[in-house]
Structures are given as C-alpha cells and as structure tokens.
N, C-alpha and C. Protein backbone atom coordinates (compact mmCIF):
# COMPACT_ATOMS: atom_id res chain seq x y z
N MET A 1 -4.92 -0.88 -15.82
CA MET A 1 -4.70 0.18 -14.74
C MET A 1 -3.58 0.46 -15.36
N ILE A 2 -4.25 1.98 -15.10
CA ILE A 2 -2.32 2.58 -14.78
C ILE A 2 -1.26 3.16 -14.05
N PRO A 3 0.03 2.06 -13.81
CA PRO A 3 0.68 2.81 -13.14
C PRO A 3 0.31 4.05 -12.18
N THR A 4 1.13 4.28 -11.07
CA THR A 4 0.23 5.37 -10.44
C THR A 4 2.02 5.55 -10.45
N ILE A 5 2.96 5.07 -10.49
CA ILE A 5 4.72 5.86 -10.37
C ILE A 5 4.71 5.20 -11.80
N GLU A 6 5.74 5.53 -12.72
CA GLU A 6 5.72 5.09 -13.80
C GLU A 6 7.13 4.85 -13.97
N GLU A 7 8.00 4.09 -14.43
CA GLU A 7 8.83 3.79 -14.39
C GLU A 7 10.48 4.37 -15.08
N HIS A 8 9.57 5.42 -15.17
CA HIS A 8 11.18 6.20 -16.45
C HIS A 8 10.81 7.31 -16.27
N ASP A 9 12.38 8.56 -16.00
CA ASP A 9 11.76 9.59 -16.08
C ASP A 9 11.43 10.43 -14.65
N ASN A 10 11.33 9.85 -13.98
CA ASN A 10 10.36 10.26 -12.03
C ASN A 10 11.67 10.14 -11.23
N LEU A 11 10.98 11.24 -10.45
CA LEU A 11 11.98 11.61 -9.38
C LEU A 11 10.86 11.54 -8.45
N LEU A 12 10.93 10.19 -6.90
CA LEU A 12 10.57 10.04 -6.02
C LEU A 12 11.79 10.72 -4.92
N LEU A 13 10.52 11.23 -3.84
CA LEU A 13 10.97 11.91 -3.17
C LEU A 13 10.99 11.10 -1.65
N LEU A 14 11.42 10.60 -1.22
CA LEU A 14 10.32 10.26 0.07
C LEU A 14 10.70 10.51 2.03
N ASP A 15 9.99 10.62 2.39
CA ASP A 15 9.68 11.63 4.11
C ASP A 15 9.44 9.95 4.51
N CYS A 16 10.72 9.61 5.76
CA CYS A 16 10.89 8.49 5.92
C CYS A 16 10.04 9.03 8.09
N PHE A 17 10.25 10.57 7.83
CA PHE A 17 10.21 11.09 9.67
C PHE A 17 9.15 10.53 9.95
N THR A 18 8.36 11.76 9.02
CA THR A 18 6.45 11.92 9.56
C THR A 18 5.99 11.07 9.64
N THR A 19 6.22 9.57 9.04
CA THR A 19 5.03 8.04 9.46
C THR A 19 6.43 7.68 10.86
N ARG A 20 7.34 7.60 11.11
CA ARG A 20 7.68 6.96 12.39
C ARG A 20 7.18 8.26 13.02
N PHE A 21 7.49 9.86 12.70
CA PHE A 21 7.84 9.41 14.47
C PHE A 21 6.54 10.30 15.13
N ILE A 22 6.58 10.86 13.40
CA ILE A 22 5.07 12.21 13.47
C ILE A 22 3.20 11.59 13.50
N ARG A 23 3.18 10.63 12.92
CA ARG A 23 1.66 10.57 12.57
C ARG A 23 1.41 8.58 11.71
N ASN A 24 0.88 8.30 11.86
CA ASN A 24 0.54 6.88 10.70
C ASN A 24 0.70 7.28 9.71
N PRO A 25 0.20 6.15 8.56
CA PRO A 25 -0.01 6.31 7.29
C PRO A 25 -1.01 6.80 7.22
N GLN A 26 -2.11 7.90 6.11
CA GLN A 26 -3.90 7.69 5.83
C GLN A 26 -3.49 7.05 4.26
N LYS A 27 -4.97 6.73 4.09
CA LYS A 27 -5.70 6.31 2.73
C LYS A 27 -5.11 7.35 2.07
N ASN A 28 -5.53 7.04 0.54
CA ASN A 28 -4.61 7.24 -0.46
C ASN A 28 -2.93 7.54 -0.76
N GLU A 29 -2.16 7.54 0.54
CA GLU A 29 -0.74 7.63 0.99
C GLU A 29 -0.53 6.30 0.14
N VAL A 30 0.91 7.20 -0.80
CA VAL A 30 1.50 5.18 -1.47
C VAL A 30 3.37 5.90 -0.44
N ILE A 31 2.71 3.98 -0.10
CA ILE A 31 4.02 3.36 0.79
C ILE A 31 5.03 2.27 0.76
N MET A 32 6.23 2.89 1.13
CA MET A 32 7.38 2.08 0.16
C MET A 32 7.78 0.77 1.69
N ALA A 33 7.74 -0.20 1.83
CA ALA A 33 7.97 -1.28 2.82
C ALA A 33 9.27 -1.94 2.79
N GLU A 34 9.47 -3.23 3.71
CA GLU A 34 9.78 -4.94 2.90
C GLU A 34 8.91 -5.33 3.20
N ASN A 35 10.08 -5.94 2.16
CA ASN A 35 9.39 -7.27 1.30
C ASN A 35 9.07 -8.08 2.28
N PRO A 36 7.67 -8.31 3.52
CA PRO A 36 7.83 -9.72 4.39
C PRO A 36 7.85 -11.29 2.94
N TYR A 37 7.66 -11.20 1.57
CA TYR A 37 7.62 -12.57 1.68
C TYR A 37 8.87 -12.58 1.10
N LYS A 38 9.67 -11.29 0.95
CA LYS A 38 11.37 -11.45 -0.28
C LYS A 38 12.35 -10.27 0.55
N SER A 39 13.27 -11.32 1.50
CA SER A 39 13.92 -10.18 2.38
C SER A 39 14.88 -9.69 0.88
N GLY A 40 14.95 -8.16 2.00
CA GLY A 40 16.10 -7.15 1.11
C GLY A 40 14.51 -6.78 0.33
N HIS A 41 14.67 -6.82 -0.26
CA HIS A 41 13.26 -6.31 -1.31
C HIS A 41 11.32 -5.21 -1.00
N THR A 42 11.88 -3.97 -1.96
CA THR A 42 10.84 -3.17 -1.73
C THR A 42 9.73 -3.68 -2.32
N ILE A 43 8.41 -3.13 -1.53
CA ILE A 43 7.34 -2.73 -2.66
C ILE A 43 6.79 -1.29 -1.76
N VAL A 44 6.21 -1.12 -2.42
CA VAL A 44 5.90 0.39 -2.75
C VAL A 44 4.16 0.29 -3.19
N LYS A 45 3.13 0.34 -2.42
CA LYS A 45 2.04 0.07 -2.07
C LYS A 45 1.08 1.53 -2.00
N ARG A 46 -0.25 2.04 -1.96
CA ARG A 46 -1.73 2.51 -1.41
C ARG A 46 -1.90 2.05 -1.05
N VAL A 47 -2.09 2.78 0.70
CA VAL A 47 -2.52 2.49 1.51
C VAL A 47 -4.61 3.06 1.26
N LEU A 48 -5.23 1.76 1.46
CA LEU A 48 -6.64 1.84 0.91
C LEU A 48 -7.53 2.04 2.11
N HIS A 49 -6.90 1.24 3.38
CA HIS A 49 -8.23 0.86 4.39
C HIS A 49 -6.95 1.35 5.71
N LEU A 50 -7.24 1.74 6.91
CA LEU A 50 -6.24 2.22 7.92
C LEU A 50 -7.11 0.52 8.78
N GLU A 51 -7.08 0.62 9.94
CA GLU A 51 -7.13 0.12 11.22
C GLU A 51 -7.68 -0.33 11.55
N GLY A 52 -9.09 -1.19 11.57
CA GLY A 52 -10.14 -0.65 12.38
C GLY A 52 -11.41 -1.06 10.98
N GLU A 53 -10.85 -0.84 9.79
CA GLU A 53 -11.59 -0.79 8.87
C GLU A 53 -12.48 -2.20 8.55
N VAL A 54 -13.12 -2.28 7.64
CA VAL A 54 -13.85 -3.14 7.02
C VAL A 54 -13.41 -3.34 6.18
N ALA A 55 -13.03 -4.13 4.67
CA ALA A 55 -12.53 -4.12 3.85
C ALA A 55 -13.23 -5.30 3.23
N GLU A 56 -13.97 -5.12 1.98
CA GLU A 56 -14.23 -6.15 1.49
C GLU A 56 -14.08 -6.79 -0.14
N VAL A 57 -13.37 -8.44 -0.47
CA VAL A 57 -12.51 -8.36 -1.03
C VAL A 57 -13.68 -10.00 -1.39
N TYR A 58 -13.52 -9.58 -3.19
CA TYR A 58 -14.43 -10.55 -3.91
C TYR A 58 -13.69 -11.75 -4.06
N ASP A 59 -14.29 -13.06 -3.98
CA ASP A 59 -13.41 -13.93 -4.26
C ASP A 59 -14.54 -14.87 -5.34
N TYR A 60 -14.02 -15.11 -6.64
CA TYR A 60 -13.54 -15.27 -8.13
C TYR A 60 -14.46 -16.89 -8.04
N LYS A 61 -13.16 -17.89 -7.22
CA LYS A 61 -13.47 -19.39 -7.27
C LYS A 61 -15.16 -19.38 -6.48
N THR A 62 -15.83 -19.08 -5.78
CA THR A 62 -16.91 -18.93 -5.50
C THR A 62 -17.46 -17.90 -5.36
N ASN A 63 -16.91 -17.14 -6.25
CA ASN A 63 -18.23 -15.59 -6.06
C ASN A 63 -18.70 -15.58 -4.72
N THR A 64 -18.36 -15.16 -3.84
CA THR A 64 -19.05 -14.48 -2.59
C THR A 64 -17.61 -13.49 -2.12
N ILE A 65 -18.80 -12.91 -1.22
CA ILE A 65 -17.70 -11.86 -1.00
C ILE A 65 -17.18 -11.45 0.95
N HIS A 66 -16.26 -11.49 0.67
CA HIS A 66 -15.77 -11.59 2.14
C HIS A 66 -14.60 -10.49 2.54
N LYS A 67 -15.19 -10.58 4.17
CA LYS A 67 -15.34 -8.71 4.84
C LYS A 67 -14.17 -8.87 5.45
N VAL A 68 -13.18 -8.62 5.99
CA VAL A 68 -11.45 -8.73 5.37
C VAL A 68 -11.59 -7.72 7.04
C-alpha cells in the first residue's frame, strides 16, 4: 500500500484549532496524536470510523470476523 504522506519533499500544515474548539475529526481526515504506548512520540493516522459506528476486524488466526 502506498503511504498517504511521503517521507521526503512534503510540507504538512497542521490545524490544531478546528478539531479542538469547533468540531471533532471527520471520516478520512488525517490526524496527529500522542502515541499512548510511547510517551513523547507522535503518531499520524487516518480516521476510518467515528464514535458509535461498528467496525469489522478479520482475525487471521481463527478465520473469523469480529465487530468492534
């Protein structure tokens, strides 16, 4: 899969005001957040599901689909 943001020759503008004071992140937006597993590190993710939506996750070990 091709990355959304390339490592070289890109300019990334951040809008911290909108999602903090005006509205919540929307589907397909790219967000930056503090990594909950590594203190002081930042992660960049795309929003796939919003609060209250059901997501299906395929478990390769048991060949089953789980709804979360």
